[in-house]
Amino acid sequence: MDLDANFALAYSWMSNCLQRSQRSGLGAENARKAYALREKVSERERFGIEATYYAVATGELEKAAQTDGLWQQTYPRDGEGLHVDGIRFRRPGKLGKALEEFRAALRWIQIVRPL
């Protein structure tokens, strides 16, 4: 696999960090950059970039959740998708689903990296 010379994944991670630190304008800008550069990343990385784009740049939370769901189906042993999905569901009326996703991610972490 080629290295991501344009750092699409880094833009996506920065987007999430900025969004969480109440700098949503910069978060959306970085999500759009990552989305535009996503062709050179792995399929797994593309799921994260696209889910972040829908959640942060366009506000399409249901589309982000669908992308996360496909990520989980494609990579069922990848806890990152579960964690991200839990973050997406942290909104009124979806807190039960968020808790379910975070618990699944925690179980995955305990399997992969036991304490």
PDB file of N, CA and C in Angstrom:
ATOM      1  N   MET A   1       0.846  -1.176   0.000  1.00  0.00           N
ATOM      2  CA  MET A   1       0.000   0.000   0.000  1.00  0.00           C
ATOM      3  C   MET A   1       0.894   1.242   0.000  1.00  0.00           C
ATOM      4  N   ASP A   2       0.496   2.253  -0.736  1.00  0.00           N
ATOM      5  CA  ASP A   2       1.236   3.519  -0.778  1.00  0.00           C
ATOM      6  C   ASP A   2       0.942   4.331   0.476  1.00  0.00           C
ATOM      7  N   LEU A   3       1.908   5.132   0.876  1.00  0.00           N
ATOM      8  CA  LEU A   3       1.688   6.043   1.987  1.00  0.00           C
ATOM      9  C   LEU A   3       0.773   7.181   1.554  1.00  0.00           C
ATOM     10  N   ASP A   4       0.043   7.718   2.475  1.00  0.00           N
ATOM     11  CA  ASP A   4      -0.879   8.820   2.211  1.00  0.00           C
ATOM     12  C   ASP A   4      -0.089  10.122   2.197  1.00  0.00           C
ATOM     13  N   ALA A   5       0.412  10.489   1.046  1.00  0.00           N
ATOM     14  CA  ALA A   5       1.263  11.681   0.926  1.00  0.00           C
ATOM     15  C   ALA A   5       0.521  12.975   1.261  1.00  0.00           C
ATOM     16  N   ASN A   6      -0.783  12.982   1.110  1.00  0.00           N
ATOM     17  CA  ASN A   6      -1.556  14.187   1.395  1.00  0.00           C
ATOM     18  C   ASN A   6      -2.166  14.181   2.797  1.00  0.00           C
ATOM     19  N   PHE A   7      -1.888  13.169   3.568  1.00  0.00           N
ATOM     20  CA  PHE A   7      -2.313  13.091   4.964  1.00  0.00           C
ATOM     21  C   PHE A   7      -3.816  13.219   5.163  1.00  0.00           C
ATOM     22  N   ALA A   8      -4.582  12.540   4.343  1.00  0.00           N
ATOM     23  CA  ALA A   8      -6.037  12.588   4.470  1.00  0.00           C
ATOM     24  C   ALA A   8      -6.477  12.138   5.859  1.00  0.00           C
ATOM     25  N   LEU A   9      -5.883  11.072   6.359  1.00  0.00           N
ATOM     26  CA  LEU A   9      -6.276  10.569   7.671  1.00  0.00           C
ATOM     27  C   LEU A   9      -5.945  11.577   8.776  1.00  0.00           C
ATOM     28  N   ALA A  10      -4.828  12.259   8.655  1.00  0.00           N
ATOM     29  CA  ALA A  10      -4.468  13.282   9.644  1.00  0.00           C
ATOM     30  C   ALA A  10      -5.490  14.415   9.649  1.00  0.00           C
ATOM     31  N   TYR A  11      -5.954  14.822   8.474  1.00  0.00           N
ATOM     32  CA  TYR A  11      -6.988  15.864   8.412  1.00  0.00           C
ATOM     33  C   TYR A  11      -8.268  15.389   9.106  1.00  0.00           C
ATOM     34  N   SER A  12      -8.603  14.124   8.902  1.00  0.00           N
ATOM     35  CA  SER A  12      -9.806  13.577   9.520  1.00  0.00           C
ATOM     36  C   SER A  12      -9.678  13.565  11.041  1.00  0.00           C
ATOM     37  N   TRP A  13      -8.542  13.114  11.544  1.00  0.00           N
ATOM     38  CA  TRP A  13      -8.324  13.102  12.997  1.00  0.00           C
ATOM     39  C   TRP A  13      -8.341  14.517  13.558  1.00  0.00           C
ATOM     40  N   MET A  14      -7.716  15.444  12.845  1.00  0.00           N
ATOM     41  CA  MET A  14      -7.708  16.838  13.285  1.00  0.00           C
ATOM     42  C   MET A  14      -9.141  17.377  13.330  1.00  0.00           C
ATOM     43  N   SER A  15      -9.930  17.002  12.357  1.00  0.00           N
ATOM     44  CA  SER A  15     -11.319  17.425  12.315  1.00  0.00           C
ATOM     45  C   SER A  15     -12.057  17.003  13.582  1.00  0.00           C
ATOM     46  N   ASN A  16     -11.875  15.745  13.973  1.00  0.00           N
ATOM     47  CA  ASN A  16     -12.533  15.251  15.182  1.00  0.00           C
ATOM     48  C   ASN A  16     -12.053  15.995  16.419  1.00  0.00           C
ATOM     49  N   CYS A  17     -10.759  16.234  16.510  1.00  0.00           N
ATOM     50  CA  CYS A  17     -10.204  16.964  17.661  1.00  0.00           C
ATOM     51  C   CYS A  17     -10.753  18.384  17.730  1.00  0.00           C
ATOM     52  N   LEU A  18     -10.787  19.052  16.603  1.00  0.00           N
ATOM     53  CA  LEU A  18     -11.291  20.427  16.569  1.00  0.00           C
ATOM     54  C   LEU A  18     -12.779  20.477  16.905  1.00  0.00           C
ATOM     55  N   GLN A  19     -13.529  19.519  16.417  1.00  0.00           N
ATOM     56  CA  GLN A  19     -14.957  19.452  16.686  1.00  0.00           C
ATOM     57  C   GLN A  19     -15.203  19.303  18.186  1.00  0.00           C
ATOM     58  N   ARG A  20     -14.434  18.436  18.816  1.00  0.00           N
ATOM     59  CA  ARG A  20     -14.599  18.195  20.253  1.00  0.00           C
ATOM     60  C   ARG A  20     -14.142  19.380  21.095  1.00  0.00           C
ATOM     61  N   SER A  21     -13.270  20.220  20.542  1.00  0.00           N
ATOM     62  CA  SER A  21     -12.790  21.379  21.301  1.00  0.00           C
ATOM     63  C   SER A  21     -13.577  22.643  20.942  1.00  0.00           C
ATOM     64  N   GLN A  22     -14.785  22.451  20.443  1.00  0.00           N
ATOM     65  CA  GLN A  22     -15.698  23.562  20.150  1.00  0.00           C
ATOM     66  C   GLN A  22     -15.212  24.463  19.022  1.00  0.00           C
ATOM     67  N   ARG A  23     -14.419  23.936  18.107  1.00  0.00           N
ATOM     68  CA  ARG A  23     -13.958  24.720  16.952  1.00  0.00           C
ATOM     69  C   ARG A  23     -14.522  24.072  15.696  1.00  0.00           C
ATOM     70  N   SER A  24     -15.849  24.031  15.629  1.00  0.00           N
ATOM     71  CA  SER A  24     -16.530  23.276  14.591  1.00  0.00           C
ATOM     72  C   SER A  24     -16.249  23.782  13.176  1.00  0.00           C
ATOM     73  N   GLY A  25     -16.026  25.076  13.007  1.00  0.00           N
ATOM     74  CA  GLY A  25     -15.717  25.594  11.668  1.00  0.00           C
ATOM     75  C   GLY A  25     -14.427  25.003  11.123  1.00  0.00           C
ATOM     76  N   LEU A  26     -13.392  24.980  11.955  1.00  0.00           N
ATOM     77  CA  LEU A  26     -12.123  24.373  11.540  1.00  0.00           C
ATOM     78  C   LEU A  26     -12.253  22.864  11.420  1.00  0.00           C
ATOM     79  N   GLY A  27     -13.075  22.263  12.267  1.00  0.00           N
ATOM     80  CA  GLY A  27     -13.306  20.825  12.182  1.00  0.00           C
ATOM     81  C   GLY A  27     -13.939  20.450  10.854  1.00  0.00           C
ATOM     82  N   ALA A  28     -14.939  21.216  10.440  1.00  0.00           N
ATOM     83  CA  ALA A  28     -15.607  20.957   9.161  1.00  0.00           C
ATOM     84  C   ALA A  28     -14.642  21.157   7.991  1.00  0.00           C
ATOM     85  N   GLU A  29     -13.811  22.183   8.075  1.00  0.00           N
ATOM     86  CA  GLU A  29     -12.832  22.450   7.012  1.00  0.00           C
ATOM     87  C   GLU A  29     -11.859  21.275   6.854  1.00  0.00           C
ATOM     88  N   ASN A  30     -11.366  20.752   7.980  1.00  0.00           N
ATOM     89  CA  ASN A  30     -10.453  19.617   7.929  1.00  0.00           C
ATOM     90  C   ASN A  30     -11.153  18.345   7.456  1.00  0.00           C
ATOM     91  N   ALA A  31     -12.406  18.172   7.823  1.00  0.00           N
ATOM     92  CA  ALA A  31     -13.168  17.003   7.353  1.00  0.00           C
ATOM     93  C   ALA A  31     -13.338  17.057   5.834  1.00  0.00           C
ATOM     94  N   ARG A  32     -13.581  18.247   5.303  1.00  0.00           N
ATOM     95  CA  ARG A  32     -13.717  18.392   3.842  1.00  0.00           C
ATOM     96  C   ARG A  32     -12.393  18.100   3.133  1.00  0.00           C
ATOM     97  N   LYS A  33     -11.276  18.552   3.716  1.00  0.00           N
ATOM     98  CA  LYS A  33      -9.959  18.267   3.130  1.00  0.00           C
ATOM     99  C   LYS A  33      -9.697  16.762   3.104  1.00  0.00           C
ATOM    100  N   ALA A  34      -9.969  16.110   4.217  1.00  0.00           N
ATOM    101  CA  ALA A  34      -9.759  14.659   4.292  1.00  0.00           C
ATOM    102  C   ALA A  34     -10.616  13.935   3.265  1.00  0.00           C
ATOM    103  N   TYR A  35     -11.857  14.351   3.155  1.00  0.00           N
ATOM    104  CA  TYR A  35     -12.790  13.714   2.214  1.00  0.00           C
ATOM    105  C   TYR A  35     -12.290  13.876   0.773  1.00  0.00           C
ATOM    106  N   ALA A  36     -11.774  15.043   0.458  1.00  0.00           N
ATOM    107  CA  ALA A  36     -11.265  15.304  -0.900  1.00  0.00           C
ATOM    108  C   ALA A  36     -10.022  14.471  -1.206  1.00  0.00           C
ATOM    109  N   LEU A  37      -9.275  14.094  -0.187  1.00  0.00           N
ATOM    110  CA  LEU A  37      -8.016  13.350  -0.371  1.00  0.00           C
ATOM    111  C   LEU A  37      -8.153  11.855  -0.095  1.00  0.00           C
ATOM    112  N   ARG A  38      -9.340  11.354   0.106  1.00  0.00           N
ATOM    113  CA  ARG A  38      -9.544   9.995   0.594  1.00  0.00           C
ATOM    114  C   ARG A  38      -9.219   8.873  -0.383  1.00  0.00           C
ATOM    115  N   GLU A  39      -8.985   9.173  -1.636  1.00  0.00           N
ATOM    116  CA  GLU A  39      -8.750   8.129  -2.632  1.00  0.00           C
ATOM    117  C   GLU A  39      -7.450   7.360  -2.426  1.00  0.00           C
ATOM    118  N   LYS A  40      -6.485   7.929  -1.729  1.00  0.00           N
ATOM    119  CA  LYS A  40      -5.179   7.281  -1.558  1.00  0.00           C
ATOM    120  C   LYS A  40      -5.038   6.525  -0.245  1.00  0.00           C
ATOM    121  N   VAL A  41      -6.109   6.391   0.523  1.00  0.00           N
ATOM    122  CA  VAL A  41      -6.037   5.692   1.802  1.00  0.00           C
ATOM    123  C   VAL A  41      -6.612   4.287   1.662  1.00  0.00           C
ATOM    124  N   SER A  42      -6.426   3.476   2.686  1.00  0.00           N
ATOM    125  CA  SER A  42      -6.979   2.121   2.684  1.00  0.00           C
ATOM    126  C   SER A  42      -8.503   2.189   2.822  1.00  0.00           C
ATOM    127  N   GLU A  43      -9.143   1.080   2.533  1.00  0.00           N
ATOM    128  CA  GLU A  43     -10.605   1.027   2.656  1.00  0.00           C
ATOM    129  C   GLU A  43     -11.037   1.300   4.096  1.00  0.00           C
ATOM    130  N   ARG A  44     -10.315   0.711   5.051  1.00  0.00           N
ATOM    131  CA  ARG A  44     -10.639   0.897   6.465  1.00  0.00           C
ATOM    132  C   ARG A  44     -10.542   2.382   6.849  1.00  0.00           C
ATOM    133  N   GLU A  45      -9.470   3.028   6.427  1.00  0.00           N
ATOM    134  CA  GLU A  45      -9.298   4.453   6.722  1.00  0.00           C
ATOM    135  C   GLU A  45     -10.373   5.292   6.037  1.00  0.00           C
ATOM    136  N   ARG A  46     -10.767   4.884   4.847  1.00  0.00           N
ATOM    137  CA  ARG A  46     -11.790   5.625   4.110  1.00  0.00           C
ATOM    138  C   ARG A  46     -13.121   5.639   4.864  1.00  0.00           C
ATOM    139  N   PHE A  47     -13.452   4.520   5.513  1.00  0.00           N
ATOM    140  CA  PHE A  47     -14.688   4.495   6.305  1.00  0.00           C
ATOM    141  C   PHE A  47     -14.660   5.591   7.369  1.00  0.00           C
ATOM    142  N   GLY A  48     -13.549   5.710   8.086  1.00  0.00           N
ATOM    143  CA  GLY A  48     -13.444   6.728   9.129  1.00  0.00           C
ATOM    144  C   GLY A  48     -13.511   8.143   8.578  1.00  0.00           C
ATOM    145  N   ILE A  49     -12.836   8.360   7.473  1.00  0.00           N
ATOM    146  CA  ILE A  49     -12.829   9.688   6.850  1.00  0.00           C
ATOM    147  C   ILE A  49     -14.230  10.063   6.382  1.00  0.00           C
ATOM    148  N   GLU A  50     -14.919   9.123   5.738  1.00  0.00           N
ATOM    149  CA  GLU A  50     -16.256   9.423   5.225  1.00  0.00           C
ATOM    150  C   GLU A  50     -17.254   9.622   6.364  1.00  0.00           C
ATOM    151  N   ALA A  51     -17.169   8.804   7.407  1.00  0.00           N
ATOM    152  CA  ALA A  51     -18.077   8.975   8.544  1.00  0.00           C
ATOM    153  C   ALA A  51     -17.862  10.330   9.212  1.00  0.00           C
ATOM    154  N   THR A  52     -16.596  10.719   9.349  1.00  0.00           N
ATOM    155  CA  THR A  52     -16.291  12.033   9.936  1.00  0.00           C
ATOM    156  C   THR A  52     -16.807  13.153   9.045  1.00  0.00           C
ATOM    157  N   TYR A  53     -16.633  13.008   7.756  1.00  0.00           N
ATOM    158  CA  TYR A  53     -17.116  14.028   6.815  1.00  0.00           C
ATOM    159  C   TYR A  53     -18.624  14.235   6.972  1.00  0.00           C
ATOM    160  N   TYR A  54     -19.366  13.132   6.987  1.00  0.00           N
ATOM    161  CA  TYR A  54     -20.824  13.260   7.102  1.00  0.00           C
ATOM    162  C   TYR A  54     -21.237  13.844   8.440  1.00  0.00           C
ATOM    163  N   ALA A  55     -20.557  13.466   9.504  1.00  0.00           N
ATOM    164  CA  ALA A  55     -20.940  13.949  10.832  1.00  0.00           C
ATOM    165  C   ALA A  55     -20.504  15.384  11.082  1.00  0.00           C
ATOM    166  N   VAL A  56     -19.301  15.734  10.652  1.00  0.00           N
ATOM    167  CA  VAL A  56     -18.730  17.036  11.008  1.00  0.00           C
ATOM    168  C   VAL A  56     -18.935  18.088   9.925  1.00  0.00           C
ATOM    169  N   ALA A  57     -18.700  17.725   8.673  1.00  0.00           N
ATOM    170  CA  ALA A  57     -18.762  18.727   7.598  1.00  0.00           C
ATOM    171  C   ALA A  57     -20.179  18.962   7.086  1.00  0.00           C
ATOM    172  N   THR A  58     -20.970  17.891   6.962  1.00  0.00           N
ATOM    173  CA  THR A  58     -22.310  18.069   6.393  1.00  0.00           C
ATOM    174  C   THR A  58     -23.422  17.968   7.428  1.00  0.00           C
ATOM    175  N   GLY A  59     -23.113  17.403   8.601  1.00  0.00           N
ATOM    176  CA  GLY A  59     -24.129  17.237   9.638  1.00  0.00           C
ATOM    177  C   GLY A  59     -25.109  16.111   9.363  1.00  0.00           C
ATOM    178  N   GLU A  60     -24.780  15.254   8.406  1.00  0.00           N
ATOM    179  CA  GLU A  60     -25.657  14.128   8.065  1.00  0.00           C
ATOM    180  C   GLU A  60     -25.347  12.953   9.001  1.00  0.00           C
ATOM    181  N   LEU A  61     -25.896  13.026  10.224  1.00  0.00           N
ATOM    182  CA  LEU A  61     -25.559  12.041  11.247  1.00  0.00           C
ATOM    183  C   LEU A  61     -26.043  10.643  10.895  1.00  0.00           C
ATOM    184  N   GLU A  62     -27.180  10.545  10.241  1.00  0.00           N
ATOM    185  CA  GLU A  62     -27.669   9.222   9.854  1.00  0.00           C
ATOM    186  C   GLU A  62     -26.768   8.594   8.797  1.00  0.00           C
ATOM    187  N   LYS A  63     -26.295   9.413   7.859  1.00  0.00           N
ATOM    188  CA  LYS A  63     -25.366   8.903   6.840  1.00  0.00           C
ATOM    189  C   LYS A  63     -24.042   8.496   7.490  1.00  0.00           C
ATOM    190  N   ALA A  64     -23.601   9.265   8.478  1.00  0.00           N
ATOM    191  CA  ALA A  64     -22.389   8.905   9.222  1.00  0.00           C
ATOM    192  C   ALA A  64     -22.593   7.571   9.930  1.00  0.00           C
ATOM    193  N   ALA A  65     -23.764   7.378  10.550  1.00  0.00           N
ATOM    194  CA  ALA A  65     -24.055   6.130  11.252  1.00  0.00           C
ATOM    195  C   ALA A  65     -24.123   4.958  10.264  1.00  0.00           C
ATOM    196  N   GLN A  66     -24.671   5.181   9.078  1.00  0.00           N
ATOM    197  CA  GLN A  66     -24.710   4.123   8.057  1.00  0.00           C
ATOM    198  C   GLN A  66     -23.300   3.736   7.637  1.00  0.00           C
ATOM    199  N   THR A  67     -22.437   4.724   7.462  1.00  0.00           N
ATOM    200  CA  THR A  67     -21.044   4.462   7.090  1.00  0.00           C
ATOM    201  C   THR A  67     -20.342   3.686   8.197  1.00  0.00           C
ATOM    202  N   ASP A  68     -20.578   4.083   9.453  1.00  0.00           N
ATOM    203  CA  ASP A  68     -20.008   3.359  10.589  1.00  0.00           C
ATOM    204  C   ASP A  68     -20.516   1.915  10.618  1.00  0.00           C
ATOM    205  N   GLY A  69     -21.797   1.725  10.320  1.00  0.00           N
ATOM    206  CA  GLY A  69     -22.368   0.379  10.298  1.00  0.00           C
ATOM    207  C   GLY A  69     -21.717  -0.493   9.236  1.00  0.00           C
ATOM    208  N   LEU A  70     -21.496   0.074   8.068  1.00  0.00           N
ATOM    209  CA  LEU A  70     -20.821  -0.663   6.996  1.00  0.00           C
ATOM    210  C   LEU A  70     -19.380  -0.968   7.400  1.00  0.00           C
ATOM    211  N   TRP A  71     -18.720  -0.026   8.061  1.00  0.00           N
ATOM    212  CA  TRP A  71     -17.364  -0.209   8.572  1.00  0.00           C
ATOM    213  C   TRP A  71     -17.336  -1.423   9.514  1.00  0.00           C
ATOM    214  N   GLN A  72     -18.317  -1.479  10.423  1.00  0.00           N
ATOM    215  CA  GLN A  72     -18.373  -2.577  11.380  1.00  0.00           C
ATOM    216  C   GLN A  72     -18.660  -3.913  10.699  1.00  0.00           C
ATOM    217  N   GLN A  73     -19.490  -3.901   9.673  1.00  0.00           N
ATOM    218  CA  GLN A  73     -19.784  -5.139   8.940  1.00  0.00           C
ATOM    219  C   GLN A  73     -18.557  -5.623   8.170  1.00  0.00           C
ATOM    220  N   THR A  74     -17.833  -4.686   7.577  1.00  0.00           N
ATOM    221  CA  THR A  74     -16.670  -5.027   6.772  1.00  0.00           C
ATOM    222  C   THR A  74     -15.490  -5.445   7.643  1.00  0.00           C
ATOM    223  N   TYR A  75     -15.323  -4.779   8.786  1.00  0.00           N
ATOM    224  CA  TYR A  75     -14.216  -5.051   9.705  1.00  0.00           C
ATOM    225  C   TYR A  75     -14.774  -5.311  11.110  1.00  0.00           C
ATOM    226  N   PRO A  76     -15.402  -6.466  11.324  1.00  0.00           N
ATOM    227  CA  PRO A  76     -16.069  -6.723  12.611  1.00  0.00           C
ATOM    228  C   PRO A  76     -15.125  -6.775  13.810  1.00  0.00           C
ATOM    229  N   ARG A  77     -13.850  -6.969  13.585  1.00  0.00           N
ATOM    230  CA  ARG A  77     -12.903  -7.021  14.701  1.00  0.00           C
ATOM    231  C   ARG A  77     -12.221  -5.681  14.938  1.00  0.00           C
ATOM    232  N   ASP A  78     -12.670  -4.654  14.273  1.00  0.00           N
ATOM    233  CA  ASP A  78     -12.080  -3.321  14.388  1.00  0.00           C
ATOM    234  C   ASP A  78     -12.900  -2.491  15.371  1.00  0.00           C
ATOM    235  N   GLY A  79     -12.377  -2.289  16.561  1.00  0.00           N
ATOM    236  CA  GLY A  79     -13.090  -1.542  17.591  1.00  0.00           C
ATOM    237  C   GLY A  79     -13.187  -0.056  17.325  1.00  0.00           C
ATOM    238  N   GLU A  80     -12.347   0.475  16.449  1.00  0.00           N
ATOM    239  CA  GLU A  80     -12.385   1.917  16.164  1.00  0.00           C
ATOM    240  C   GLU A  80     -13.747   2.319  15.602  1.00  0.00           C
ATOM    241  N   GLY A  81     -14.301   1.515  14.729  1.00  0.00           N
ATOM    242  CA  GLY A  81     -15.619   1.810  14.164  1.00  0.00           C
ATOM    243  C   GLY A  81     -16.699   1.834  15.231  1.00  0.00           C
ATOM    244  N   LEU A  82     -16.596   0.938  16.204  1.00  0.00           N
ATOM    245  CA  LEU A  82     -17.570   0.913  17.298  1.00  0.00           C
ATOM    246  C   LEU A  82     -17.465   2.177  18.138  1.00  0.00           C
ATOM    247  N   HIS A  83     -16.245   2.596  18.448  1.00  0.00           N
ATOM    248  CA  HIS A  83     -16.036   3.797  19.253  1.00  0.00           C
ATOM    249  C   HIS A  83     -16.574   5.032  18.526  1.00  0.00           C
ATOM    250  N   VAL A  84     -16.255   5.131  17.248  1.00  0.00           N
ATOM    251  CA  VAL A  84     -16.716   6.284  16.470  1.00  0.00           C
ATOM    252  C   VAL A  84     -18.235   6.287  16.403  1.00  0.00           C
ATOM    253  N   ASP A  85     -18.832   5.111  16.218  1.00  0.00           N
ATOM    254  CA  ASP A  85     -20.290   5.031  16.165  1.00  0.00           C
ATOM    255  C   ASP A  85     -20.896   5.482  17.491  1.00  0.00           C
ATOM    256  N   GLY A  86     -20.267   5.125  18.600  1.00  0.00           N
ATOM    257  CA  GLY A  86     -20.754   5.570  19.900  1.00  0.00           C
ATOM    258  C   GLY A  86     -20.750   7.083  20.007  1.00  0.00           C
ATOM    259  N   ILE A  87     -19.716   7.708  19.481  1.00  0.00           N
ATOM    260  CA  ILE A  87     -19.641   9.171  19.484  1.00  0.00           C
ATOM    261  C   ILE A  87     -20.773   9.762  18.654  1.00  0.00           C
ATOM    262  N   ARG A  88     -21.054   9.176  17.513  1.00  0.00           N
ATOM    263  CA  ARG A  88     -22.113   9.694  16.632  1.00  0.00           C
ATOM    264  C   ARG A  88     -23.492   9.645  17.297  1.00  0.00           C
ATOM    265  N   PHE A  89     -23.703   8.626  18.130  1.00  0.00           N
ATOM    266  CA  PHE A  89     -25.018   8.463  18.739  1.00  0.00           C
ATOM    267  C   PHE A  89     -25.208   9.281  20.009  1.00  0.00           C
ATOM    268  N   ARG A  90     -24.218  10.071  20.411  1.00  0.00           N
ATOM    269  CA  ARG A  90     -24.347  10.899  21.606  1.00  0.00           C
ATOM    270  C   ARG A  90     -25.206  12.113  21.305  1.00  0.00           C
ATOM    271  N   ARG A  91     -26.470  11.882  21.184  1.00  0.00           N
ATOM    272  CA  ARG A  91     -27.415  12.977  20.967  1.00  0.00           C
ATOM    273  C   ARG A  91     -28.764  12.547  21.541  1.00  0.00           C
ATOM    274  N   PRO A  92     -29.649  13.500  21.793  1.00  0.00           N
ATOM    275  CA  PRO A  92     -30.935  13.153  22.422  1.00  0.00           C
ATOM    276  C   PRO A  92     -31.651  12.032  21.675  1.00  0.00           C
ATOM    277  N   GLY A  93     -32.176  11.092  22.447  1.00  0.00           N
ATOM    278  CA  GLY A  93     -32.918   9.980  21.879  1.00  0.00           C
ATOM    279  C   GLY A  93     -32.059   8.820  21.412  1.00  0.00           C
ATOM    280  N   LYS A  94     -30.741   8.972  21.410  1.00  0.00           N
ATOM    281  CA  LYS A  94     -29.843   7.925  20.919  1.00  0.00           C
ATOM    282  C   LYS A  94     -28.811   7.507  21.970  1.00  0.00           C
ATOM    283  N   LEU A  95     -28.967   7.987  23.197  1.00  0.00           N
ATOM    284  CA  LEU A  95     -27.953   7.725  24.215  1.00  0.00           C
ATOM    285  C   LEU A  95     -27.830   6.241  24.549  1.00  0.00           C
ATOM    286  N   GLY A  96     -28.928   5.501  24.510  1.00  0.00           N
ATOM    287  CA  GLY A  96     -28.880   4.062  24.751  1.00  0.00           C
ATOM    288  C   GLY A  96     -28.029   3.358  23.701  1.00  0.00           C
ATOM    289  N   LYS A  97     -28.188   3.769  22.456  1.00  0.00           N
ATOM    290  CA  LYS A  97     -27.395   3.199  21.362  1.00  0.00           C
ATOM    291  C   LYS A  97     -25.926   3.574  21.531  1.00  0.00           C
ATOM    292  N   ALA A  98     -25.646   4.796  21.941  1.00  0.00           N
ATOM    293  CA  ALA A  98     -24.261   5.224  22.167  1.00  0.00           C
ATOM    294  C   ALA A  98     -23.617   4.363  23.239  1.00  0.00           C
ATOM    295  N   LEU A  99     -24.326   4.131  24.345  1.00  0.00           N
ATOM    296  CA  LEU A  99     -23.797   3.315  25.430  1.00  0.00           C
ATOM    297  C   LEU A  99     -23.502   1.897  24.945  1.00  0.00           C
ATOM    298  N   GLU A 100     -24.402   1.353  24.145  1.00  0.00           N
ATOM    299  CA  GLU A 100     -24.206   0.016  23.573  1.00  0.00           C
ATOM    300  C   GLU A 100     -22.929  -0.037  22.725  1.00  0.00           C
ATOM    301  N   GLU A 101     -22.711   0.976  21.889  1.00  0.00           N
ATOM    302  CA  GLU A 101     -21.534   1.014  21.017  1.00  0.00           C
ATOM    303  C   GLU A 101     -20.247   1.190  21.832  1.00  0.00           C
ATOM    304  N   PHE A 102     -20.294   2.048  22.851  1.00  0.00           N
ATOM    305  CA  PHE A 102     -19.106   2.238  23.687  1.00  0.00           C
ATOM    306  C   PHE A 102     -18.761   0.958  24.453  1.00  0.00           C
ATOM    307  N   ARG A 103     -19.778   0.246  24.944  1.00  0.00           N
ATOM    308  CA  ARG A 103     -19.516  -1.020  25.637  1.00  0.00           C
ATOM    309  C   ARG A 103     -18.887  -2.044  24.690  1.00  0.00           C
ATOM    310  N   ALA A 104     -19.382  -2.111  23.459  1.00  0.00           N
ATOM    311  CA  ALA A 104     -18.812  -3.032  22.470  1.00  0.00           C
ATOM    312  C   ALA A 104     -17.359  -2.660  22.172  1.00  0.00           C
ATOM    313  N   ALA A 105     -17.080  -1.365  22.062  1.00  0.00           N
ATOM    314  CA  ALA A 105     -15.703  -0.917  21.814  1.00  0.00           C
ATOM    315  C   ALA A 105     -14.813  -1.274  22.998  1.00  0.00           C
ATOM    316  N   LEU A 106     -15.320  -1.123  24.217  1.00  0.00           N
ATOM    317  CA  LEU A 106     -14.545  -1.467  25.402  1.00  0.00           C
ATOM    318  C   LEU A 106     -14.235  -2.963  25.430  1.00  0.00           C
ATOM    319  N   ARG A 107     -15.224  -3.797  25.086  1.00  0.00           N
ATOM    320  CA  ARG A 107     -14.974  -5.245  25.024  1.00  0.00           C
ATOM    321  C   ARG A 107     -13.883  -5.550  24.005  1.00  0.00           C
ATOM    322  N   TRP A 108     -13.926  -4.874  22.868  1.00  0.00           N
ATOM    323  CA  TRP A 108     -12.914  -5.087  21.832  1.00  0.00           C
ATOM    324  C   TRP A 108     -11.531  -4.692  22.346  1.00  0.00           C
ATOM    325  N   ILE A 109     -11.449  -3.559  23.027  1.00  0.00           N
ATOM    326  CA  ILE A 109     -10.160  -3.099  23.547  1.00  0.00           C
ATOM    327  C   ILE A 109      -9.623  -4.107  24.561  1.00  0.00           C
ATOM    328  N   GLN A 110     -10.476  -4.649  25.400  1.00  0.00           N
ATOM    329  CA  GLN A 110     -10.036  -5.602  26.418  1.00  0.00           C
ATOM    330  C   GLN A 110      -9.540  -6.904  25.782  1.00  0.00           C
ATOM    331  N   ILE A 111     -10.083  -7.277  24.641  1.00  0.00           N
ATOM    332  CA  ILE A 111      -9.636  -8.475  23.928  1.00  0.00           C
ATOM    333  C   ILE A 111      -8.299  -8.213  23.262  1.00  0.00           C
ATOM    334  N   VAL A 112      -8.195  -7.084  22.583  1.00  0.00           N
ATOM    335  CA  VAL A 112      -6.991  -6.772  21.812  1.00  0.00           C
ATOM    336  C   VAL A 112      -5.841  -6.363  22.723  1.00  0.00           C
ATOM    337  N   ARG A 113      -6.131  -5.521  23.702  1.00  0.00           N
ATOM    338  CA  ARG A 113      -5.103  -5.021  24.619  1.00  0.00           C
ATOM    339  C   ARG A 113      -5.527  -5.256  26.062  1.00  0.00           C
ATOM    340  N   PRO A 114      -5.422  -6.493  26.521  1.00  0.00           N
ATOM    341  CA  PRO A 114      -5.850  -6.767  27.915  1.00  0.00           C
ATOM    342  C   PRO A 114      -5.058  -5.948  28.927  1.00  0.00           C
ATOM    343  N   LEU A 115      -5.730  -5.553  29.976  1.00  0.00           N
ATOM    344  CA  LEU A 115      -5.082  -4.767  31.037  1.00  0.00           C
ATOM    345  C   LEU A 115      -4.207  -5.633  31.909  1.00  0.00           C
TER     346      LEU A 115
END
